[in-house]
C-alpha cells in the first residue's frame, strides 16, 4: 500500500439546511445573492444573541467563548494553534452558504430557497441560525427592505434526501438534526479520469495573485488546507495529520488534460468597508487524469466545503463527474 493510500483525511460532520422564504411583496434581488445573505445573516445573528451593547468588541467580550455569534460568524482563535496555522487572524467560519440561483425577480408569494451548511461543532447552534434567518427575512433585504417569511427549513439525511425540519407557521423544530459526514478514507475503486466543474466564481491565489492558472498539486494544497483548518477548529477531538508532503508529491503526477475556464467579474457592497468591491472568480471545467483514488475524499470534501476565498458567500462551489458524465 502506498503512502498516499495511508493518508486519512479528518471526518467532518455537517448539517445541511435548506431555507424556503416566501416573498411578502414583489421583490428584486441581485443575481449574486451570497453577499446579501451573508451580511444580513451575520447582522441578525448578532442582534438576536448578543446581550452586550452594539459597541462591544467581540475580542474583548468576556462572553465570547459561550456565544453563538462568535462560534459561527466572528470566529476567534482562543488557544495556540498548530505551527501550520499560526498567524491566522481568525479561524475559518464554520458554515457555507449555497445560493446558486440567478433569478432576480420574485412575485408576491413566490419561494426563494438557499442552503446553509453548518460544519462540525457549529451544528449545535442550528436553532440560533434558524431564528436569525427568520428575523432576517422578516426585516427585509436591501435598501428597500424587501420582506419575506421563513416558510420552512429542510434538512438533508445521510442518503441525500430532504426532510421537513422546521415549520415557519408554528415556529417549531420538527425533528433532531440529521447530520452527514465527510468521509476520511478513499473507497475501493475510483475512475482515473474526472471532470471538475467550478459552478460559482472561484477565487484562488497563486503566488499571492488571483489566477486561474494552476496545477493539480496547487489545487490539492488549497483543498487540503481548508479541510484541515476546519477540522482542527470545529471537530472535537480533531484527528488531523499535518504531514502530507507525500500526498502533494502524488498530486504532481495527476495531469490536467483539459482546461476550459473563464473569468466572471462581479461586485458586492461591503458594509464593513462602506464600499463596492470586486468579487470575481473563474467558472468552467477541467479534466483530471491519473491516480485519483487518494484524492477522492478531498475532492468530495471540497464539494461540501467549497474552495478558495469567499467560500462562506457561496463562491468556489465545485462538482465532480466522470468525463462521460455518468458518475
C-alpha atoms as a PDB file:
ATOM      1  CA  UNK A   1       0.000   0.000   0.000  1.00  0.00           C
ATOM      2  CA  UNK A   2       1.419   3.402  -0.964  1.00  0.00           C
ATOM      3  CA  UNK A   3       1.997   6.247   1.460  1.00  0.00           C
ATOM      4  CA  UNK A   4      -0.726   8.245  -0.241  1.00  0.00           C
ATOM      5  CA  UNK A   5      -3.231   5.457   0.395  1.00  0.00           C
ATOM      6  CA  UNK A   6      -2.365   5.549   4.089  1.00  0.00           C
ATOM      7  CA  UNK A   7      -3.286   9.198   4.493  1.00  0.00           C
ATOM      8  CA  UNK A   8      -6.593   9.531   6.347  1.00  0.00           C
ATOM      9  CA  UNK A   9      -8.442  12.797   5.953  1.00  0.00           C
ATOM     10  CA  UNK A  10     -10.346  14.037   9.004  1.00  0.00           C
ATOM     11  CA  UNK A  11     -14.047  13.275   9.150  1.00  0.00           C
ATOM     12  CA  UNK A  12     -16.172  16.401   9.467  1.00  0.00           C
ATOM     13  CA  UNK A  13     -19.838  16.138  10.483  1.00  0.00           C
ATOM     14  CA  UNK A  14     -22.136  18.727   8.957  1.00  0.00           C
ATOM     15  CA  UNK A  15     -25.784  19.720   8.786  1.00  0.00           C
ATOM     16  CA  UNK A  16     -27.307  20.880   5.501  1.00  0.00           C
ATOM     17  CA  UNK A  17     -30.318  23.170   5.941  1.00  0.00           C
ATOM     18  CA  UNK A  18     -32.430  24.415   3.061  1.00  0.00           C
ATOM     19  CA  UNK A  19     -34.406  27.559   3.866  1.00  0.00           C
ATOM     20  CA  UNK A  20     -37.576  28.385   1.947  1.00  0.00           C
ATOM     21  CA  UNK A  21     -38.544  32.050   2.069  1.00  0.00           C
ATOM     22  CA  UNK A  22     -41.897  33.269   0.746  1.00  0.00           C
ATOM     23  CA  UNK A  23     -41.963  36.795  -0.653  1.00  0.00           C
ATOM     24  CA  UNK A  24     -44.493  39.114   1.001  1.00  0.00           C
ATOM     25  CA  UNK A  25     -44.324  41.529  -1.926  1.00  0.00           C
ATOM     26  CA  UNK A  26     -42.754  41.890  -5.340  1.00  0.00           C
ATOM     27  CA  UNK A  27     -39.003  41.719  -4.751  1.00  0.00           C
ATOM     28  CA  UNK A  28     -35.885  42.215  -6.811  1.00  0.00           C
ATOM     29  CA  UNK A  29     -32.688  40.617  -5.529  1.00  0.00           C
ATOM     30  CA  UNK A  30     -29.182  40.685  -7.024  1.00  0.00           C
ATOM     31  CA  UNK A  31     -28.055  37.876  -9.298  1.00  0.00           C
ATOM     32  CA  UNK A  32     -25.262  37.072  -6.824  1.00  0.00           C
ATOM     33  CA  UNK A  33     -27.084  36.650  -3.524  1.00  0.00           C
ATOM     34  CA  UNK A  34     -24.275  35.299  -1.366  1.00  0.00           C
ATOM     35  CA  UNK A  35     -23.060  38.697  -0.190  1.00  0.00           C
ATOM     36  CA  UNK A  36     -26.592  39.907   0.569  1.00  0.00           C
ATOM     37  CA  UNK A  37     -27.471  36.777   2.549  1.00  0.00           C
ATOM     38  CA  UNK A  38     -24.193  36.514   4.435  1.00  0.00           C
ATOM     39  CA  UNK A  39     -24.274  40.151   5.511  1.00  0.00           C
ATOM     40  CA  UNK A  40     -27.923  40.028   6.590  1.00  0.00           C
ATOM     41  CA  UNK A  41     -27.404  36.707   8.394  1.00  0.00           C
ATOM     42  CA  UNK A  42     -24.382  37.957  10.337  1.00  0.00           C
ATOM     43  CA  UNK A  43     -26.125  41.202  11.297  1.00  0.00           C
ATOM     44  CA  UNK A  44     -29.245  39.443  12.532  1.00  0.00           C
ATOM     45  CA  UNK A  45     -27.388  36.613  14.281  1.00  0.00           C
ATOM     46  CA  UNK A  46     -25.512  39.142  16.393  1.00  0.00           C
ATOM     47  CA  UNK A  47     -28.638  41.203  17.052  1.00  0.00           C
ATOM     48  CA  UNK A  48     -30.605  38.170  18.244  1.00  0.00           C
ATOM     49  CA  UNK A  49     -27.963  36.593  20.509  1.00  0.00           C
ATOM     50  CA  UNK A  50     -25.744  39.420  21.776  1.00  0.00           C
ATOM     51  CA  UNK A  51     -26.588  40.639  25.301  1.00  0.00           C
ATOM     52  CA  UNK A  52     -23.953  43.386  25.305  1.00  0.00           C
ATOM     53  CA  UNK A  53     -24.068  46.786  23.606  1.00  0.00           C
ATOM     54  CA  UNK A  54     -23.525  47.114  19.829  1.00  0.00           C
ATOM     55  CA  UNK A  55     -20.257  48.916  20.582  1.00  0.00           C
ATOM     56  CA  UNK A  56     -18.832  45.910  22.456  1.00  0.00           C
ATOM     57  CA  UNK A  57     -15.992  44.277  20.504  1.00  0.00           C
ATOM     58  CA  UNK A  58     -16.229  40.504  20.382  1.00  0.00           C
ATOM     59  CA  UNK A  59     -12.496  40.135  21.006  1.00  0.00           C
ATOM     60  CA  UNK A  60     -12.751  41.771  24.444  1.00  0.00           C
ATOM     61  CA  UNK A  61     -16.160  40.418  25.467  1.00  0.00           C
ATOM     62  CA  UNK A  62     -15.958  38.045  28.431  1.00  0.00           C
ATOM     63  CA  UNK A  63     -18.825  36.002  26.937  1.00  0.00           C
ATOM     64  CA  UNK A  64     -17.114  35.275  23.636  1.00  0.00           C
ATOM     65  CA  UNK A  65     -16.322  31.614  24.442  1.00  0.00           C
ATOM     66  CA  UNK A  66     -20.024  30.802  25.003  1.00  0.00           C
ATOM     67  CA  UNK A  67     -21.584  32.975  22.292  1.00  0.00           C
ATOM     68  CA  UNK A  68     -23.399  31.580  19.243  1.00  0.00           C
ATOM     69  CA  UNK A  69     -22.387  34.613  17.185  1.00  0.00           C
ATOM     70  CA  UNK A  70     -18.652  34.265  17.827  1.00  0.00           C
ATOM     71  CA  UNK A  71     -18.911  30.485  17.391  1.00  0.00           C
ATOM     72  CA  UNK A  72     -20.345  30.880  13.894  1.00  0.00           C
ATOM     73  CA  UNK A  73     -19.579  34.306  12.497  1.00  0.00           C
ATOM     74  CA  UNK A  74     -16.797  36.070  14.435  1.00  0.00           C
ATOM     75  CA  UNK A  75     -14.613  33.013  14.741  1.00  0.00           C
ATOM     76  CA  UNK A  76     -11.922  33.892  17.272  1.00  0.00           C
ATOM     77  CA  UNK A  77      -8.826  31.785  17.924  1.00  0.00           C
ATOM     78  CA  UNK A  78      -8.597  31.319  21.688  1.00  0.00           C
ATOM     79  CA  UNK A  79      -5.768  28.804  22.092  1.00  0.00           C
ATOM     80  CA  UNK A  80      -2.360  28.434  20.483  1.00  0.00           C
ATOM     81  CA  UNK A  81      -2.916  26.762  17.088  1.00  0.00           C
ATOM     82  CA  UNK A  82      -0.561  24.242  15.472  1.00  0.00           C
ATOM     83  CA  UNK A  83       2.506  25.682  13.762  1.00  0.00           C
ATOM     84  CA  UNK A  84       0.864  25.289  10.380  1.00  0.00           C
ATOM     85  CA  UNK A  85      -1.962  27.675  11.380  1.00  0.00           C
ATOM     86  CA  UNK A  86      -0.014  30.333  13.245  1.00  0.00           C
ATOM     87  CA  UNK A  87      -0.595  33.857  12.021  1.00  0.00           C
ATOM     88  CA  UNK A  88      -4.267  33.392  11.103  1.00  0.00           C
ATOM     89  CA  UNK A  89      -6.285  36.439  12.277  1.00  0.00           C
ATOM     90  CA  UNK A  90      -9.420  34.301  12.717  1.00  0.00           C
ATOM     91  CA  UNK A  91     -10.427  30.701  12.341  1.00  0.00           C
ATOM     92  CA  UNK A  92     -12.311  29.935   9.119  1.00  0.00           C
ATOM     93  CA  UNK A  93     -16.048  30.392   9.570  1.00  0.00           C
ATOM     94  CA  UNK A  94     -17.806  27.044  10.087  1.00  0.00           C
ATOM     95  CA  UNK A  95     -20.586  27.487   7.544  1.00  0.00           C
ATOM     96  CA  UNK A  96     -21.069  27.588   3.791  1.00  0.00           C
ATOM     97  CA  UNK A  97     -23.830  29.468   2.013  1.00  0.00           C
ATOM     98  CA  UNK A  98     -25.168  27.970  -1.214  1.00  0.00           C
ATOM     99  CA  UNK A  99     -27.459  30.318  -3.124  1.00  0.00           C
ATOM    100  CA  UNK A 100     -26.611  29.257  -6.660  1.00  0.00           C
ATOM    101  CA  UNK A 101     -29.707  30.760  -8.269  1.00  0.00           C
ATOM    102  CA  UNK A 102     -29.588  33.732 -10.634  1.00  0.00           C
ATOM    103  CA  UNK A 103     -33.323  34.526 -10.575  1.00  0.00           C
ATOM    104  CA  UNK A 104     -33.742  38.188  -9.632  1.00  0.00           C
ATOM    105  CA  UNK A 105     -37.495  38.909  -9.759  1.00  0.00           C
ATOM    106  CA  UNK A 106     -39.816  37.326  -7.191  1.00  0.00           C
ATOM    107  CA  UNK A 107     -43.570  37.812  -7.332  1.00  0.00           C
ATOM    108  CA  UNK A 108     -45.641  38.062  -4.132  1.00  0.00           C
ATOM    109  CA  UNK A 109     -45.921  34.570  -2.643  1.00  0.00           C
ATOM    110  CA  UNK A 110     -43.042  33.160  -4.678  1.00  0.00           C
ATOM    111  CA  UNK A 111     -40.474  30.962  -2.926  1.00  0.00           C
ATOM    112  CA  UNK A 112     -36.779  31.796  -2.730  1.00  0.00           C
ATOM    113  CA  UNK A 113     -34.599  28.940  -1.464  1.00  0.00           C
ATOM    114  CA  UNK A 114     -30.990  28.731  -0.356  1.00  0.00           C
ATOM    115  CA  UNK A 115     -28.848  26.365   1.679  1.00  0.00           C
ATOM    116  CA  UNK A 116     -26.560  26.773   4.673  1.00  0.00           C
ATOM    117  CA  UNK A 117     -24.190  24.001   5.735  1.00  0.00           C
ATOM    118  CA  UNK A 118     -23.126  24.096   9.384  1.00  0.00           C
ATOM    119  CA  UNK A 119     -19.798  22.373   9.966  1.00  0.00           C
ATOM    120  CA  UNK A 120     -18.532  20.434  12.960  1.00  0.00           C
ATOM    121  CA  UNK A 121     -19.375  21.879  16.382  1.00  0.00           C
ATOM    122  CA  UNK A 122     -21.433  24.688  14.805  1.00  0.00           C
ATOM    123  CA  UNK A 123     -24.201  22.110  14.183  1.00  0.00           C
ATOM    124  CA  UNK A 124     -25.279  22.505  17.823  1.00  0.00           C
ATOM    125  CA  UNK A 125     -26.161  26.153  17.163  1.00  0.00           C
ATOM    126  CA  UNK A 126     -28.758  25.360  14.485  1.00  0.00           C
ATOM    127  CA  UNK A 127     -31.710  26.827  16.499  1.00  0.00           C
ATOM    128  CA  UNK A 128     -29.916  30.200  16.636  1.00  0.00           C
ATOM    129  CA  UNK A 129     -29.269  30.018  12.894  1.00  0.00           C
ATOM    130  CA  UNK A 130     -32.922  29.271  12.125  1.00  0.00           C
ATOM    131  CA  UNK A 131     -34.148  32.096  14.343  1.00  0.00           C
ATOM    132  CA  UNK A 132     -31.672  34.537  12.774  1.00  0.00           C
ATOM    133  CA  UNK A 133     -32.867  33.555   9.276  1.00  0.00           C
ATOM    134  CA  UNK A 134     -36.480  34.014  10.394  1.00  0.00           C
ATOM    135  CA  UNK A 135     -35.760  37.537  11.690  1.00  0.00           C
ATOM    136  CA  UNK A 136     -33.540  38.355   8.707  1.00  0.00           C
ATOM    137  CA  UNK A 137     -36.335  37.561   6.245  1.00  0.00           C
ATOM    138  CA  UNK A 138     -38.884  39.439   8.340  1.00  0.00           C
ATOM    139  CA  UNK A 139     -36.676  42.558   8.442  1.00  0.00           C
ATOM    140  CA  UNK A 140     -36.226  42.523   4.676  1.00  0.00           C
ATOM    141  CA  UNK A 141     -33.359  42.648   2.198  1.00  0.00           C
ATOM    142  CA  UNK A 142     -31.582  45.604   0.661  1.00  0.00           C
ATOM    143  CA  UNK A 143     -32.251  49.315   0.977  1.00  0.00           C
ATOM    144  CA  UNK A 144     -35.937  48.753   0.106  1.00  0.00           C
ATOM    145  CA  UNK A 145     -36.306  46.211   2.925  1.00  0.00           C
ATOM    146  CA  UNK A 146     -37.989  43.638   0.685  1.00  0.00           C
ATOM    147  CA  UNK A 147     -39.627  41.326   3.186  1.00  0.00           C
ATOM    148  CA  UNK A 148     -40.013  37.555   3.169  1.00  0.00           C
ATOM    149  CA  UNK A 149     -41.410  34.951   5.564  1.00  0.00           C
ATOM    150  CA  UNK A 150     -39.470  31.844   6.526  1.00  0.00           C
ATOM    151  CA  UNK A 151     -41.992  29.247   5.439  1.00  0.00           C
ATOM    152  CA  UNK A 152     -39.934  26.140   6.185  1.00  0.00           C
ATOM    153  CA  UNK A 153     -36.491  24.659   6.618  1.00  0.00           C
ATOM    154  CA  UNK A 154     -35.495  21.208   5.396  1.00  0.00           C
ATOM    155  CA  UNK A 155     -32.529  19.086   6.451  1.00  0.00           C
ATOM    156  CA  UNK A 156     -30.677  16.505   4.398  1.00  0.00           C
ATOM    157  CA  UNK A 157     -30.173  12.954   5.643  1.00  0.00           C
ATOM    158  CA  UNK A 158     -27.027  10.841   5.049  1.00  0.00           C
ATOM    159  CA  UNK A 159     -28.568   9.431   1.862  1.00  0.00           C
ATOM    160  CA  UNK A 160     -29.081  12.915   0.436  1.00  0.00           C
ATOM    161  CA  UNK A 161     -32.864  13.033   0.903  1.00  0.00           C
ATOM    162  CA  UNK A 162     -34.500  16.219   2.210  1.00  0.00           C
ATOM    163  CA  UNK A 163     -36.893  16.145   5.181  1.00  0.00           C
ATOM    164  CA  UNK A 164     -39.080  18.721   6.906  1.00  0.00           C
ATOM    165  CA  UNK A 165     -37.093  20.178   9.803  1.00  0.00           C
ATOM    166  CA  UNK A 166     -38.687  23.494  10.784  1.00  0.00           C
ATOM    167  CA  UNK A 167     -42.224  24.774  10.286  1.00  0.00           C
ATOM    168  CA  UNK A 168     -42.494  28.521   9.867  1.00  0.00           C
ATOM    169  CA  UNK A 169     -46.208  28.722  10.714  1.00  0.00           C
ATOM    170  CA  UNK A 170     -45.735  27.225  14.183  1.00  0.00           C
ATOM    171  CA  UNK A 171     -42.068  28.227  14.560  1.00  0.00           C
ATOM    172  CA  UNK A 172     -41.298  24.698  15.703  1.00  0.00           C
ATOM    173  CA  UNK A 173     -38.319  22.413  15.041  1.00  0.00           C
ATOM    174  CA  UNK A 174     -39.853  19.122  13.977  1.00  0.00           C
ATOM    175  CA  UNK A 175     -37.043  16.593  14.494  1.00  0.00           C
ATOM    176  CA  UNK A 176     -33.468  16.197  15.714  1.00  0.00           C
ATOM    177  CA  UNK A 177     -30.892  17.335  13.144  1.00  0.00           C
ATOM    178  CA  UNK A 178     -29.881  14.760  10.540  1.00  0.00           C
ATOM    179  CA  UNK A 179     -26.136  15.148  10.134  1.00  0.00           C
ATOM    180  CA  UNK A 180     -23.908  13.876   7.373  1.00  0.00           C
ATOM    181  CA  UNK A 181     -20.168  13.204   7.488  1.00  0.00           C
ATOM    182  CA  UNK A 182     -17.365  13.979   5.087  1.00  0.00           C
ATOM    183  CA  UNK A 183     -15.607  10.624   4.759  1.00  0.00           C
ATOM    184  CA  UNK A 184     -11.940  10.335   5.662  1.00  0.00           C
ATOM    185  CA  UNK A 185     -10.744   7.307   3.687  1.00  0.00           C
ATOM    186  CA  UNK A 186     -10.707   6.519  -0.055  1.00  0.00           C
ATOM    187  CA  UNK A 187     -13.161   3.907  -1.243  1.00  0.00           C
ATOM    188  CA  UNK A 188     -12.015   0.760  -3.027  1.00  0.00           C
ATOM    189  CA  UNK A 189     -12.419   1.961  -6.584  1.00  0.00           C
ATOM    190  CA  UNK A 190     -12.163   5.212  -8.425  1.00  0.00           C
ATOM    191  CA  UNK A 191     -12.024   6.434 -12.002  1.00  0.00           C
ATOM    192  CA  UNK A 192      -8.693   7.511 -13.456  1.00  0.00           C
ATOM    193  CA  UNK A 193     -10.358  10.421 -15.216  1.00  0.00           C
ATOM    194  CA  UNK A 194     -12.642  13.030 -13.673  1.00  0.00           C
ATOM    195  CA  UNK A 195     -14.162  16.348 -14.651  1.00  0.00           C
ATOM    196  CA  UNK A 196     -14.088  19.051 -12.024  1.00  0.00           C
ATOM    197  CA  UNK A 197     -16.726  21.739 -12.643  1.00  0.00           C
ATOM    198  CA  UNK A 198     -16.476  25.161 -10.994  1.00  0.00           C
ATOM    199  CA  UNK A 199     -20.111  26.162 -10.589  1.00  0.00           C
ATOM    200  CA  UNK A 200     -19.749  29.555  -8.891  1.00  0.00           C
ATOM    201  CA  UNK A 201     -16.872  32.041  -9.263  1.00  0.00           C
ATOM    202  CA  UNK A 202     -13.761  30.573  -7.654  1.00  0.00           C
ATOM    203  CA  UNK A 203     -11.018  32.788  -6.249  1.00  0.00           C
ATOM    204  CA  UNK A 204      -7.634  31.091  -5.922  1.00  0.00           C
ATOM    205  CA  UNK A 205      -4.479  32.961  -5.048  1.00  0.00           C
ATOM    206  CA  UNK A 206      -1.417  31.526  -6.784  1.00  0.00           C
ATOM    207  CA  UNK A 207       1.792  33.211  -5.663  1.00  0.00           C
ATOM    208  CA  UNK A 208      -0.291  35.905  -3.938  1.00  0.00           C
ATOM    209  CA  UNK A 209      -2.240  36.814  -7.083  1.00  0.00           C
ATOM    210  CA  UNK A 210      -5.736  35.723  -8.121  1.00  0.00           C
ATOM    211  CA  UNK A 211      -5.276  33.327 -11.004  1.00  0.00           C
ATOM    212  CA  UNK A 212      -6.877  30.520 -12.950  1.00  0.00           C
ATOM    213  CA  UNK A 213      -3.505  29.086 -13.977  1.00  0.00           C
ATOM    214  CA  UNK A 214      -2.833  26.259 -11.532  1.00  0.00           C
ATOM    215  CA  UNK A 215      -1.800  22.616 -11.499  1.00  0.00           C
ATOM    216  CA  UNK A 216      -3.447  19.796  -9.585  1.00  0.00           C
ATOM    217  CA  UNK A 217      -0.878  19.944  -6.784  1.00  0.00           C
ATOM    218  CA  UNK A 218      -1.726  23.598  -6.122  1.00  0.00           C
ATOM    219  CA  UNK A 219      -5.419  22.741  -6.165  1.00  0.00           C
ATOM    220  CA  UNK A 220      -4.920  19.856  -3.712  1.00  0.00           C
ATOM    221  CA  UNK A 221      -2.921  22.045  -1.325  1.00  0.00           C
ATOM    222  CA  UNK A 222      -5.719  24.627  -1.112  1.00  0.00           C
ATOM    223  CA  UNK A 223      -8.412  21.974  -0.670  1.00  0.00           C
ATOM    224  CA  UNK A 224      -6.309  20.239   1.957  1.00  0.00           C
ATOM    225  CA  UNK A 225      -5.569  23.383   3.922  1.00  0.00           C
ATOM    226  CA  UNK A 226      -9.244  24.364   4.083  1.00  0.00           C
ATOM    227  CA  UNK A 227     -10.309  20.875   5.156  1.00  0.00           C
ATOM    228  CA  UNK A 228      -7.634  20.564   7.847  1.00  0.00           C
ATOM    229  CA  UNK A 229      -8.240  24.061   9.232  1.00  0.00           C
ATOM    230  CA  UNK A 230     -11.965  23.417   9.604  1.00  0.00           C
ATOM    231  CA  UNK A 231     -11.325  20.023  11.195  1.00  0.00           C
ATOM    232  CA  UNK A 232      -8.824  21.458  13.672  1.00  0.00           C
ATOM    233  CA  UNK A 233     -11.100  24.242  14.889  1.00  0.00           C
ATOM    234  CA  UNK A 234     -14.523  22.565  14.686  1.00  0.00           C
ATOM    235  CA  UNK A 235     -14.142  18.806  15.138  1.00  0.00           C
ATOM    236  CA  UNK A 236     -13.681  17.556  18.703  1.00  0.00           C
ATOM    237  CA  UNK A 237     -11.452  15.681  19.062  1.00  0.00           C
ATOM    238  CA  UNK A 238      -9.676  16.717  15.886  1.00  0.00           C
ATOM    239  CA  UNK A 239      -7.841  13.876  14.146  1.00  0.00           C
ATOM    240  CA  UNK A 240      -5.598  15.891  11.845  1.00  0.00           C
ATOM    241  CA  UNK A 241      -2.457  14.539  10.191  1.00  0.00           C
ATOM    242  CA  UNK A 242      -0.283  17.553   9.400  1.00  0.00           C
ATOM    243  CA  UNK A 243       2.345  15.580   7.493  1.00  0.00           C
ATOM    244  CA  UNK A 244       1.004  15.462   3.955  1.00  0.00           C
ATOM    245  CA  UNK A 245       4.036  16.130   1.759  1.00  0.00           C
ATOM    246  CA  UNK A 246       3.762  12.674   0.196  1.00  0.00           C
ATOM    247  CA  UNK A 247       0.204  13.494  -0.840  1.00  0.00           C
ATOM    248  CA  UNK A 248       1.347  16.639  -2.630  1.00  0.00           C
ATOM    249  CA  UNK A 249       4.067  14.654  -4.384  1.00  0.00           C
ATOM    250  CA  UNK A 250       1.440  12.200  -5.631  1.00  0.00           C
ATOM    251  CA  UNK A 251      -0.717  15.132  -6.777  1.00  0.00           C
ATOM    252  CA  UNK A 252       2.156  16.252  -9.004  1.00  0.00           C
ATOM    253  CA  UNK A 253       1.605  13.056 -11.032  1.00  0.00           C
ATOM    254  CA  UNK A 254      -2.034  13.908 -11.844  1.00  0.00           C
ATOM    255  CA  UNK A 255      -2.436  15.854 -15.071  1.00  0.00           C
ATOM    256  CA  UNK A 256      -4.968  18.488 -16.079  1.00  0.00           C
ATOM    257  CA  UNK A 257      -5.740  17.350 -19.633  1.00  0.00           C
ATOM    258  CA  UNK A 258      -8.408  19.929 -20.446  1.00  0.00           C
ATOM    259  CA  UNK A 259      -8.888  23.422 -19.093  1.00  0.00           C
ATOM    260  CA  UNK A 260     -11.920  25.457 -20.139  1.00  0.00           C
ATOM    261  CA  UNK A 261     -12.148  28.306 -17.653  1.00  0.00           C
ATOM    262  CA  UNK A 262     -13.391  31.858 -17.948  1.00  0.00           C
ATOM    263  CA  UNK A 263     -13.276  34.784 -15.570  1.00  0.00           C
ATOM    264  CA  UNK A 264     -16.519  36.296 -14.313  1.00  0.00           C
ATOM    265  CA  UNK A 265     -16.315  39.638 -12.567  1.00  0.00           C
ATOM    266  CA  UNK A 266     -18.968  40.747 -10.115  1.00  0.00           C
ATOM    267  CA  UNK A 267     -19.388  43.354  -7.418  1.00  0.00           C
ATOM    268  CA  UNK A 268     -20.517  43.258  -3.831  1.00  0.00           C
ATOM    269  CA  UNK A 269     -21.084  46.006  -1.307  1.00  0.00           C
ATOM    270  CA  UNK A 270     -19.111  45.713   1.932  1.00  0.00           C
ATOM    271  CA  UNK A 271     -20.933  47.293   4.861  1.00  0.00           C
ATOM    272  CA  UNK A 272     -17.813  46.932   6.961  1.00  0.00           C
ATOM    273  CA  UNK A 273     -15.676  48.866   4.474  1.00  0.00           C
ATOM    274  CA  UNK A 274     -18.554  51.032   3.172  1.00  0.00           C
ATOM    275  CA  UNK A 275     -17.533  50.454  -0.429  1.00  0.00           C
ATOM    276  CA  UNK A 276     -18.227  48.386  -3.546  1.00  0.00           C
ATOM    277  CA  UNK A 277     -15.698  45.602  -4.006  1.00  0.00           C
ATOM    278  CA  UNK A 278     -14.783  43.420  -6.973  1.00  0.00           C
ATOM    279  CA  UNK A 279     -15.614  39.812  -6.188  1.00  0.00           C
ATOM    280  CA  UNK A 280     -14.948  37.888  -9.359  1.00  0.00           C
ATOM    281  CA  UNK A 281     -13.575  34.424  -9.977  1.00  0.00           C
ATOM    282  CA  UNK A 282     -13.318  31.727 -12.605  1.00  0.00           C
ATOM    283  CA  UNK A 283     -16.004  29.346 -13.847  1.00  0.00           C
ATOM    284  CA  UNK A 284     -15.808  26.338 -16.120  1.00  0.00           C
ATOM    285  CA  UNK A 285     -14.346  22.842 -16.148  1.00  0.00           C
ATOM    286  CA  UNK A 286     -11.081  20.949 -16.019  1.00  0.00           C
ATOM    287  CA  UNK A 287     -10.397  17.281 -16.755  1.00  0.00           C
ATOM    288  CA  UNK A 288      -8.105  15.315 -14.433  1.00  0.00           C
ATOM    289  CA  UNK A 289      -6.212  12.150 -15.341  1.00  0.00           C
ATOM    290  CA  UNK A 290      -4.054   9.887 -13.179  1.00  0.00           C
ATOM    291  CA  UNK A 291      -4.238   8.001  -9.890  1.00  0.00           C
ATOM    292  CA  UNK A 292      -7.136   9.902  -8.334  1.00  0.00           C
ATOM    293  CA  UNK A 293      -8.052   7.375  -5.652  1.00  0.00           C
ATOM    294  CA  UNK A 294      -6.039   9.002  -2.818  1.00  0.00           C
ATOM    295  CA  UNK A 295      -7.691  12.349  -3.516  1.00  0.00           C
ATOM    296  CA  UNK A 296     -11.348  11.343  -3.766  1.00  0.00           C
ATOM    297  CA  UNK A 297     -12.158  12.096  -0.091  1.00  0.00           C
ATOM    298  CA  UNK A 298     -10.579  15.528  -0.515  1.00  0.00           C
ATOM    299  CA  UNK A 299     -12.443  16.243  -3.741  1.00  0.00           C
ATOM    300  CA  UNK A 300     -15.691  15.106  -2.126  1.00  0.00           C
ATOM    301  CA  UNK A 301     -14.950  17.325   0.864  1.00  0.00           C
ATOM    302  CA  UNK A 302     -14.452  20.298  -1.456  1.00  0.00           C
ATOM    303  CA  UNK A 303     -17.919  19.694  -2.908  1.00  0.00           C
ATOM    304  CA  UNK A 304     -19.290  20.307   0.593  1.00  0.00           C
ATOM    305  CA  UNK A 305     -16.839  22.937   1.850  1.00  0.00           C
ATOM    306  CA  UNK A 306     -16.284  24.857  -1.415  1.00  0.00           C
ATOM    307  CA  UNK A 307     -12.866  26.109  -2.441  1.00  0.00           C
ATOM    308  CA  UNK A 308     -10.877  29.331  -2.304  1.00  0.00           C
ATOM    309  CA  UNK A 309     -11.603  32.762  -0.899  1.00  0.00           C
ATOM    310  CA  UNK A 310     -15.220  33.703  -0.193  1.00  0.00           C
ATOM    311  CA  UNK A 311     -16.473  30.154   0.380  1.00  0.00           C
ATOM    312  CA  UNK A 312     -18.905  31.329   3.067  1.00  0.00           C
ATOM    313  CA  UNK A 313     -20.507  33.607   0.458  1.00  0.00           C
ATOM    314  CA  UNK A 314     -21.121  30.589  -1.794  1.00  0.00           C
ATOM    315  CA  UNK A 315     -18.108  31.145  -4.028  1.00  0.00           C
ATOM    316  CA  UNK A 316     -15.944  28.202  -5.071  1.00  0.00           C
ATOM    317  CA  UNK A 317     -18.758  25.680  -5.491  1.00  0.00           C
ATOM    318  CA  UNK A 318     -17.481  22.597  -7.313  1.00  0.00           C
ATOM    319  CA  UNK A 319     -18.983  19.323  -8.531  1.00  0.00           C
ATOM    320  CA  UNK A 320     -17.354  16.102  -9.733  1.00  0.00           C
ATOM    321  CA  UNK A 321     -18.342  13.800 -12.550  1.00  0.00           C
ATOM    322  CA  UNK A 322     -16.706  11.246 -14.784  1.00  0.00           C
ATOM    323  CA  UNK A 323     -15.692  12.564 -18.177  1.00  0.00           C
ATOM    324  CA  UNK A 324     -18.599  10.675 -19.753  1.00  0.00           C
ATOM    325  CA  UNK A 325     -20.895  12.313 -17.183  1.00  0.00           C
ATOM    326  CA  UNK A 326     -22.115   9.026 -15.632  1.00  0.00           C
ATOM    327  CA  UNK A 327     -20.780   9.252 -12.076  1.00  0.00           C
END
